[in-house]
Amino acid sequence: MRRLTSGQRIAGGLVAGFITVLTLVLPWFDVLGRQRSSIDIIRSASILDVIEGWVRVLVIIGWLLAPILVSIAMFVAAAGKHRTSAILLLPVGLTTVLIVGAGLVISEVDLAWGAFVGLLSAICTSILAIMVISNRPPRNDRTHP
């Protein structure tokens, strides 16, 4: 069985990261019979002052950073910096996994299909990013010409 190269791993991670970002506008929650995206929920929570202060700022910045980090990771990967690209992807995957995981734990929240697509793609993003980060390049052996 052929092993995946670092380029193939980061390409898969970038595709999964892109899908993770796309899921932000898909239905994540079912609230009173109506499906809402994660962005809708953040906006509603902000308007209703459910989240306020530094938590509100942190949540909004975190959700805005996801597409920015994936975009930068794409450019960095195109420049051949796979490990740096993976480092940029890792927070996107881990944050999404944590958010959906929290939604699964909170019994009052019904998750919609978009959250599960986001969870699956975020897990793939995280695993592939970790594989690229942990991959050690071969050392040059100067004893053989």
C-alpha atoms as a PDB file:
ATOM      1  CA  MET A   1       0.000   0.000   0.000  1.00  0.00           C
ATOM      2  CA  ARG A   2       1.378   3.365  -1.024  1.00  0.00           C
ATOM      3  CA  ARG A   3       1.756   6.036   1.660  1.00  0.00           C
ATOM      4  CA  LEU A   4       0.304   9.473   1.108  1.00  0.00           C
ATOM      5  CA  THR A   5       2.797  12.253   0.494  1.00  0.00           C
ATOM      6  CA  SER A   6       2.763  15.455   2.511  1.00  0.00           C
ATOM      7  CA  GLY A   7       1.307  17.244  -0.518  1.00  0.00           C
ATOM      8  CA  GLN A   8      -1.548  14.774  -0.799  1.00  0.00           C
ATOM      9  CA  ARG A   9      -2.267  15.009   2.915  1.00  0.00           C
ATOM     10  CA  ILE A  10      -2.336  18.808   2.918  1.00  0.00           C
ATOM     11  CA  ALA A  11      -4.499  18.816  -0.235  1.00  0.00           C
ATOM     12  CA  GLY A  12      -7.008  16.566   1.535  1.00  0.00           C
ATOM     13  CA  GLY A  13      -6.825  18.756   4.631  1.00  0.00           C
ATOM     14  CA  LEU A  14      -7.459  21.876   2.566  1.00  0.00           C
ATOM     15  CA  VAL A  15     -10.489  20.323   0.872  1.00  0.00           C
ATOM     16  CA  ALA A  16     -11.851  19.186   4.247  1.00  0.00           C
ATOM     17  CA  GLY A  17     -11.127  22.634   5.738  1.00  0.00           C
ATOM     18  CA  PHE A  18     -12.934  24.301   2.848  1.00  0.00           C
ATOM     19  CA  ILE A  19     -15.960  22.042   3.396  1.00  0.00           C
ATOM     20  CA  THR A  20     -15.831  22.831   7.130  1.00  0.00           C
ATOM     21  CA  VAL A  21     -16.009  26.548   6.351  1.00  0.00           C
ATOM     22  CA  LEU A  22     -18.843  25.994   3.870  1.00  0.00           C
ATOM     23  CA  THR A  23     -20.864  24.239   6.563  1.00  0.00           C
ATOM     24  CA  LEU A  24     -20.968  27.442   8.607  1.00  0.00           C
ATOM     25  CA  VAL A  25     -23.870  28.580   6.415  1.00  0.00           C
ATOM     26  CA  LEU A  26     -25.621  25.186   6.414  1.00  0.00           C
ATOM     27  CA  PRO A  27     -28.298  24.307   8.984  1.00  0.00           C
ATOM     28  CA  TRP A  28     -26.547  23.530  12.277  1.00  0.00           C
ATOM     29  CA  PHE A  29     -29.378  23.863  14.781  1.00  0.00           C
ATOM     30  CA  ASP A  30     -33.087  23.166  14.813  1.00  0.00           C
ATOM     31  CA  VAL A  31     -34.675  25.921  16.892  1.00  0.00           C
ATOM     32  CA  LEU A  32     -38.445  25.747  17.374  1.00  0.00           C
ATOM     33  CA  GLY A  33     -38.843  23.734  14.192  1.00  0.00           C
ATOM     34  CA  ARG A  34     -36.745  26.076  12.072  1.00  0.00           C
ATOM     35  CA  GLN A  35     -33.233  25.225  10.971  1.00  0.00           C
ATOM     36  CA  ARG A  36     -30.549  27.828  11.587  1.00  0.00           C
ATOM     37  CA  SER A  37     -26.915  28.075  10.548  1.00  0.00           C
ATOM     38  CA  SER A  38     -24.167  28.622  13.068  1.00  0.00           C
ATOM     39  CA  ILE A  39     -23.865  32.200  11.847  1.00  0.00           C
ATOM     40  CA  ASP A  40     -27.616  32.756  12.429  1.00  0.00           C
ATOM     41  CA  ILE A  41     -27.277  31.442  15.989  1.00  0.00           C
ATOM     42  CA  ILE A  42     -24.283  33.657  16.747  1.00  0.00           C
ATOM     43  CA  ARG A  43     -26.147  36.679  15.374  1.00  0.00           C
ATOM     44  CA  SER A  44     -29.296  35.875  17.367  1.00  0.00           C
ATOM     45  CA  ALA A  45     -27.336  35.215  20.555  1.00  0.00           C
ATOM     46  CA  SER A  46     -25.533  38.502  20.090  1.00  0.00           C
ATOM     47  CA  ILE A  47     -28.743  40.469  19.505  1.00  0.00           C
ATOM     48  CA  LEU A  48     -30.443  38.866  22.522  1.00  0.00           C
ATOM     49  CA  ASP A  49     -27.353  39.505  24.686  1.00  0.00           C
ATOM     50  CA  VAL A  50     -26.987  35.782  25.395  1.00  0.00           C
ATOM     51  CA  ILE A  51     -23.322  36.272  24.624  1.00  0.00           C
ATOM     52  CA  GLU A  52     -21.796  39.616  25.440  1.00  0.00           C
ATOM     53  CA  GLY A  53     -18.543  41.328  26.207  1.00  0.00           C
ATOM     54  CA  TRP A  54     -15.281  39.549  25.474  1.00  0.00           C
ATOM     55  CA  VAL A  55     -17.044  36.209  24.881  1.00  0.00           C
ATOM     56  CA  ARG A  56     -19.077  37.779  22.066  1.00  0.00           C
ATOM     57  CA  VAL A  57     -15.968  39.288  20.524  1.00  0.00           C
ATOM     58  CA  LEU A  58     -14.096  35.980  20.822  1.00  0.00           C
ATOM     59  CA  VAL A  59     -16.923  33.976  19.200  1.00  0.00           C
ATOM     60  CA  ILE A  60     -17.381  36.418  16.324  1.00  0.00           C
ATOM     61  CA  ILE A  61     -13.651  36.697  15.658  1.00  0.00           C
ATOM     62  CA  GLY A  62     -13.276  32.926  15.880  1.00  0.00           C
ATOM     63  CA  TRP A  63     -15.993  32.313  13.326  1.00  0.00           C
ATOM     64  CA  LEU A  64     -14.642  35.051  11.029  1.00  0.00           C
ATOM     65  CA  LEU A  65     -11.123  33.643  11.298  1.00  0.00           C
ATOM     66  CA  ALA A  66     -12.117  30.188  10.042  1.00  0.00           C
ATOM     67  CA  PRO A  67     -12.521  31.141   6.354  1.00  0.00           C
ATOM     68  CA  ILE A  68      -9.544  33.492   6.564  1.00  0.00           C
ATOM     69  CA  LEU A  69      -7.288  30.772   8.001  1.00  0.00           C
ATOM     70  CA  VAL A  70      -8.372  28.249   5.366  1.00  0.00           C
ATOM     71  CA  SER A  71      -7.758  30.807   2.589  1.00  0.00           C
ATOM     72  CA  ILE A  72      -4.299  31.665   3.890  1.00  0.00           C
ATOM     73  CA  ALA A  73      -3.546  27.946   4.322  1.00  0.00           C
ATOM     74  CA  MET A  74      -4.356  27.429   0.636  1.00  0.00           C
ATOM     75  CA  PHE A  75      -1.905  30.126  -0.451  1.00  0.00           C
ATOM     76  CA  VAL A  76       0.781  28.871   1.925  1.00  0.00           C
ATOM     77  CA  ALA A  77       0.339  25.287   0.680  1.00  0.00           C
ATOM     78  CA  ALA A  78       0.608  26.494  -2.922  1.00  0.00           C
ATOM     79  CA  ALA A  79       3.956  28.021  -1.944  1.00  0.00           C
ATOM     80  CA  GLY A  80       5.092  24.581  -0.773  1.00  0.00           C
ATOM     81  CA  LYS A  81       4.935  25.279   2.977  1.00  0.00           C
ATOM     82  CA  HIS A  82       2.835  22.256   3.914  1.00  0.00           C
ATOM     83  CA  ARG A  83       3.602  22.232   7.618  1.00  0.00           C
ATOM     84  CA  THR A  84       2.753  25.940   8.003  1.00  0.00           C
ATOM     85  CA  SER A  85      -0.460  25.365   6.069  1.00  0.00           C
ATOM     86  CA  ALA A  86      -1.372  22.478   8.386  1.00  0.00           C
ATOM     87  CA  ILE A  87      -0.713  24.652  11.440  1.00  0.00           C
ATOM     88  CA  LEU A  88      -3.179  27.198  10.045  1.00  0.00           C
ATOM     89  CA  LEU A  89      -5.817  24.509   9.409  1.00  0.00           C
ATOM     90  CA  LEU A  90      -5.610  22.848  12.810  1.00  0.00           C
ATOM     91  CA  PRO A  91      -7.534  25.514  14.807  1.00  0.00           C
ATOM     92  CA  VAL A  92     -10.368  25.476  12.245  1.00  0.00           C
ATOM     93  CA  GLY A  93     -10.864  21.749  12.646  1.00  0.00           C
ATOM     94  CA  LEU A  94     -10.447  21.652  16.409  1.00  0.00           C
ATOM     95  CA  THR A  95     -12.748  24.622  17.038  1.00  0.00           C
ATOM     96  CA  THR A  96     -15.499  23.135  14.899  1.00  0.00           C
ATOM     97  CA  VAL A  97     -15.173  19.766  16.646  1.00  0.00           C
ATOM     98  CA  LEU A  98     -15.450  21.511  20.036  1.00  0.00           C
ATOM     99  CA  ILE A  99     -18.498  23.569  19.020  1.00  0.00           C
ATOM    100  CA  VAL A 100     -20.392  20.581  17.609  1.00  0.00           C
ATOM    101  CA  GLY A 101     -19.293  18.462  20.580  1.00  0.00           C
ATOM    102  CA  ALA A 102     -20.709  21.085  22.933  1.00  0.00           C
ATOM    103  CA  GLY A 103     -23.948  21.022  20.924  1.00  0.00           C
ATOM    104  CA  LEU A 104     -24.142  17.258  21.368  1.00  0.00           C
ATOM    105  CA  VAL A 105     -23.644  17.581  25.140  1.00  0.00           C
ATOM    106  CA  ILE A 106     -26.281  20.288  25.608  1.00  0.00           C
ATOM    107  CA  SER A 107     -29.566  18.407  25.604  1.00  0.00           C
ATOM    108  CA  GLU A 108     -31.716  21.464  24.831  1.00  0.00           C
ATOM    109  CA  VAL A 109     -30.078  21.895  21.441  1.00  0.00           C
ATOM    110  CA  ASP A 110     -31.117  19.826  18.422  1.00  0.00           C
ATOM    111  CA  LEU A 111     -28.342  19.620  15.872  1.00  0.00           C
ATOM    112  CA  ALA A 112     -29.250  19.694  12.191  1.00  0.00           C
ATOM    113  CA  TRP A 113     -27.501  17.882   9.349  1.00  0.00           C
ATOM    114  CA  GLY A 114     -25.045  20.730   8.609  1.00  0.00           C
ATOM    115  CA  ALA A 115     -23.439  20.348  12.025  1.00  0.00           C
ATOM    116  CA  PHE A 116     -22.711  16.688  11.336  1.00  0.00           C
ATOM    117  CA  VAL A 117     -21.224  17.461   7.919  1.00  0.00           C
ATOM    118  CA  GLY A 118     -19.132  20.150   9.644  1.00  0.00           C
ATOM    119  CA  LEU A 119     -18.084  17.694  12.343  1.00  0.00           C
ATOM    120  CA  LEU A 120     -17.018  15.037   9.844  1.00  0.00           C
ATOM    121  CA  SER A 121     -15.055  17.484   7.691  1.00  0.00           C
ATOM    122  CA  ALA A 122     -13.495  19.103  10.785  1.00  0.00           C
ATOM    123  CA  ILE A 123     -12.314  15.719  12.060  1.00  0.00           C
ATOM    124  CA  CYS A 124     -10.763  15.009   8.648  1.00  0.00           C
ATOM    125  CA  THR A 125      -9.160  18.464   8.614  1.00  0.00           C
ATOM    126  CA  SER A 126      -7.669  17.943  12.074  1.00  0.00           C
ATOM    127  CA  ILE A 127      -6.373  14.432  11.389  1.00  0.00           C
ATOM    128  CA  LEU A 128      -4.755  15.372   8.083  1.00  0.00           C
ATOM    129  CA  ALA A 129      -3.243  18.544   9.576  1.00  0.00           C
ATOM    130  CA  ILE A 130      -1.773  16.543  12.465  1.00  0.00           C
ATOM    131  CA  MET A 131      -0.384  13.999   9.991  1.00  0.00           C
ATOM    132  CA  VAL A 132       1.384  16.762   8.049  1.00  0.00           C
ATOM    133  CA  ILE A 133       2.668  18.492  11.189  1.00  0.00           C
ATOM    134  CA  SER A 134       4.007  15.274  12.684  1.00  0.00           C
ATOM    135  CA  ASN A 135       5.629  14.096   9.453  1.00  0.00           C
ATOM    136  CA  ARG A 136       9.375  14.495   9.842  1.00  0.00           C
ATOM    137  CA  PRO A 137      11.270  15.185   6.630  1.00  0.00           C
ATOM    138  CA  PRO A 138      14.071  12.714   5.928  1.00  0.00           C
ATOM    139  CA  ARG A 139      17.459  13.822   7.190  1.00  0.00           C
ATOM    140  CA  ASN A 140      20.209  14.282   4.659  1.00  0.00           C
ATOM    141  CA  ASP A 141      22.789  11.577   5.111  1.00  0.00           C
ATOM    142  CA  ARG A 142      26.124  13.078   4.162  1.00  0.00           C
ATOM    143  CA  THR A 143      28.007   9.787   4.409  1.00  0.00           C
ATOM    144  CA  HIS A 144      26.627   8.639   1.033  1.00  0.00           C
ATOM    145  CA  PRO A 145      27.162  10.806  -2.068  1.00  0.00           C
END
